[in-house]
Amino acid sequence: MALQGHIQELSEKHRKLEELIETEMAHPDWSEARVAALKKQKLRIKDELERLRSTVH
């Protein structure tokens, strides 16, 4: 099912963003602006995932 594949792809992007945020924040000179942008992107993906999952059920 194409929708399920899209959900899996978004889930993977969400997971990778979480790892990227953690990696960024592990550096002593991490950028608040970069982390904020990554978190915003992650939230958009989460919202899209919830919307898609609600259409499946």
N, C-alpha and C. Protein backbone atom coordinates (compact mmCIF):
# COMPACT_ATOMS: atom_id res chain seq x y z
N MET A 1 0.84 -1.18 0.00
CA MET A 1 0.00 0.00 0.00
C MET A 1 0.88 1.24 0.00
N ALA A 2 0.63 2.16 -0.89
CA ALA A 2 1.47 3.35 -1.05
C ALA A 2 1.44 4.24 0.20
N LEU A 3 0.27 4.34 0.81
CA LEU A 3 0.14 5.18 2.00
C LEU A 3 1.01 4.65 3.13
N GLN A 4 1.02 3.34 3.31
CA GLN A 4 1.84 2.73 4.36
C GLN A 4 3.32 3.00 4.12
N GLY A 5 3.74 2.95 2.85
CA GLY A 5 5.13 3.24 2.51
C GLY A 5 5.49 4.68 2.83
N HIS A 6 4.56 5.58 2.56
CA HIS A 6 4.78 7.01 2.86
C HIS A 6 4.90 7.22 4.37
N ILE A 7 4.06 6.54 5.13
CA ILE A 7 4.11 6.63 6.59
C ILE A 7 5.45 6.12 7.10
N GLN A 8 5.93 5.01 6.55
CA GLN A 8 7.22 4.47 6.97
C GLN A 8 8.36 5.43 6.64
N GLU A 9 8.27 6.03 5.46
CA GLU A 9 9.30 7.00 5.05
C GLU A 9 9.32 8.20 5.99
N LEU A 10 8.15 8.72 6.33
CA LEU A 10 8.08 9.85 7.25
C LEU A 10 8.57 9.46 8.64
N SER A 11 8.24 8.25 9.07
CA SER A 11 8.70 7.77 10.38
C SER A 11 10.23 7.73 10.43
N GLU A 12 10.82 7.28 9.35
CA GLU A 12 12.28 7.21 9.27
C GLU A 12 12.89 8.62 9.30
N LYS A 13 12.30 9.55 8.58
CA LYS A 13 12.78 10.94 8.60
C LYS A 13 12.67 11.51 10.01
N HIS A 14 11.57 11.21 10.69
CA HIS A 14 11.35 11.69 12.05
C HIS A 14 12.44 11.15 12.98
N ARG A 15 12.74 9.86 12.84
CA ARG A 15 13.77 9.23 13.68
C ARG A 15 15.14 9.86 13.41
N LYS A 16 15.44 10.08 12.13
CA LYS A 16 16.74 10.66 11.77
C LYS A 16 16.87 12.10 12.28
N LEU A 17 15.79 12.84 12.25
CA LEU A 17 15.81 14.20 12.79
C LEU A 17 16.08 14.18 14.28
N GLU A 18 15.47 13.24 14.99
CA GLU A 18 15.71 13.11 16.43
C GLU A 18 17.20 12.85 16.69
N GLU A 19 17.79 11.96 15.92
CA GLU A 19 19.22 11.67 16.07
C GLU A 19 20.06 12.90 15.76
N LEU A 20 19.69 13.63 14.72
CA LEU A 20 20.42 14.83 14.33
C LEU A 20 20.34 15.89 15.42
N ILE A 21 19.17 16.05 16.02
CA ILE A 21 19.01 17.02 17.12
C ILE A 21 19.89 16.62 18.30
N GLU A 22 19.88 15.35 18.65
CA GLU A 22 20.70 14.88 19.77
C GLU A 22 22.19 15.08 19.48
N THR A 23 22.60 14.80 18.25
CA THR A 23 24.00 14.99 17.86
C THR A 23 24.39 16.46 17.93
N GLU A 24 23.51 17.30 17.40
CA GLU A 24 23.77 18.75 17.41
C GLU A 24 23.92 19.26 18.84
N MET A 25 23.02 18.82 19.73
CA MET A 25 23.05 19.32 21.10
C MET A 25 24.20 18.74 21.92
N ALA A 26 24.83 17.68 21.42
CA ALA A 26 25.96 17.09 22.13
C ALA A 26 27.23 17.94 21.97
N HIS A 27 27.25 18.77 20.95
CA HIS A 27 28.41 19.64 20.73
C HIS A 27 28.36 20.82 21.71
N PRO A 28 29.50 21.18 22.25
CA PRO A 28 29.52 22.29 23.21
C PRO A 28 29.07 23.63 22.61
N ASP A 29 29.27 23.81 21.33
CA ASP A 29 28.91 25.09 20.70
C ASP A 29 27.69 24.94 19.78
N TRP A 30 26.69 24.16 20.22
CA TRP A 30 25.52 23.90 19.39
C TRP A 30 24.72 25.17 19.16
N SER A 31 24.05 25.19 18.03
CA SER A 31 23.30 26.36 17.60
C SER A 31 21.82 26.22 17.98
N GLU A 32 21.34 27.16 18.79
CA GLU A 32 19.94 27.14 19.19
C GLU A 32 19.03 27.29 17.98
N ALA A 33 19.43 28.14 17.05
CA ALA A 33 18.61 28.38 15.85
C ALA A 33 18.50 27.11 15.01
N ARG A 34 19.61 26.40 14.86
CA ARG A 34 19.59 25.16 14.07
C ARG A 34 18.73 24.10 14.75
N VAL A 35 18.88 23.96 16.06
CA VAL A 35 18.09 22.97 16.79
C VAL A 35 16.61 23.33 16.72
N ALA A 36 16.29 24.61 16.85
CA ALA A 36 14.89 25.03 16.77
C ALA A 36 14.31 24.71 15.39
N ALA A 37 15.08 24.96 14.34
CA ALA A 37 14.62 24.66 12.98
C ALA A 37 14.41 23.15 12.80
N LEU A 38 15.32 22.35 13.33
CA LEU A 38 15.19 20.90 13.23
C LEU A 38 13.96 20.40 14.00
N LYS A 39 13.74 20.98 15.18
CA LYS A 39 12.58 20.58 15.98
C LYS A 39 11.28 20.96 15.28
N LYS A 40 11.26 22.11 14.63
CA LYS A 40 10.07 22.54 13.89
C LYS A 40 9.78 21.57 12.74
N GLN A 41 10.85 21.18 12.05
CA GLN A 41 10.71 20.23 10.94
C GLN A 41 10.20 18.88 11.47
N LYS A 42 10.75 18.46 12.59
CA LYS A 42 10.34 17.19 13.20
C LYS A 42 8.87 17.24 13.61
N LEU A 43 8.43 18.36 14.15
CA LEU A 43 7.04 18.52 14.55
C LEU A 43 6.10 18.48 13.35
N ARG A 44 6.50 19.11 12.25
CA ARG A 44 5.68 19.07 11.03
C ARG A 44 5.51 17.63 10.54
N ILE A 45 6.60 16.86 10.60
CA ILE A 45 6.54 15.46 10.18
C ILE A 45 5.64 14.67 11.13
N LYS A 46 5.75 14.92 12.42
CA LYS A 46 4.91 14.22 13.40
C LYS A 46 3.44 14.52 13.13
N ASP A 47 3.11 15.78 12.89
CA ASP A 47 1.72 16.15 12.60
C ASP A 47 1.22 15.45 11.34
N GLU A 48 2.06 15.40 10.32
CA GLU A 48 1.68 14.73 9.07
C GLU A 48 1.47 13.23 9.31
N LEU A 49 2.35 12.63 10.10
CA LEU A 49 2.21 11.21 10.43
C LEU A 49 0.89 10.94 11.15
N GLU A 50 0.55 11.78 12.11
CA GLU A 50 -0.71 11.60 12.85
C GLU A 50 -1.90 11.74 11.91
N ARG A 51 -1.83 12.70 11.00
CA ARG A 51 -2.92 12.91 10.06
C ARG A 51 -3.08 11.68 9.16
N LEU A 52 -1.96 11.18 8.65
CA LEU A 52 -2.01 10.01 7.76
C LEU A 52 -2.48 8.77 8.50
N ARG A 53 -2.00 8.59 9.70
CA ARG A 53 -2.39 7.41 10.47
C ARG A 53 -3.89 7.44 10.80
N SER A 54 -4.42 8.63 11.01
CA SER A 54 -5.85 8.72 11.31
C SER A 54 -6.70 8.38 10.10
N THR A 55 -6.17 8.59 8.90
CA THR A 55 -6.92 8.23 7.70
C THR A 55 -6.88 6.73 7.45
N VAL A 56 -5.85 6.06 7.96
CA VAL A 56 -5.71 4.62 7.78
C VAL A 56 -6.70 3.88 8.69
N HIS A 57 -6.92 4.41 9.89
CA HIS A 57 -7.77 3.71 10.87
C HIS A 57 -9.21 4.06 10.71
